[in-house]
Amino acid sequence: MLTITRELRDAIVAHARADHPDEACGVVAGAAGTGRPERFVPMLNAARSPTFYEFDSGDLLKLYREMDDRDEEPVVVYHSHTATEAYPSRTDVSYASEPFAHYVLVSTADGNGPDDPYQFRSFRIVDGEITEEDVQVVEAYQP
């Protein structure tokens, strides 16, 4: 299960909405070994596409060096789908290289409904296998 603060969930959704109609992407880093998402890192979609996302290789290298220096790891890797449901595509699965990360997808597609204007779902993707997991949104993490 992914446990995430409302503030982080809202930041991911806001990024997805701001970049719409292009896909948004980013990472939420956390202290190594904790599994707790803490530091929101929105990234630029280098592909600038409504159907595809790609992290800029230079930005990604900089982020991984920064996480190394801070003893962090990518706890959440997120991106948006602008015209389809929040479910990993074959391309998403092929890019999933962090076996311990939560892969969050946000759908900003029309038709999600007025009571649920977006979908926010989390998956584990290991060796090409997709497993959806529950998402628990909390106001703050327990100590």
Foldseek 3Di string as FASTA:
>chain_A
DAEAAPVQVVVQVVQQVVLPLAKWWFFFKDAPPPLYGDRTGTADQPVSHNADGDGDPVVVVVVVVVCVVVNIDGQEIEMEHEADAFDDDQVNLVPPDDQNHKYWYKYQHPPPDPVDNIDIWTWGRDPNDTDTDDYHYHNDDDD
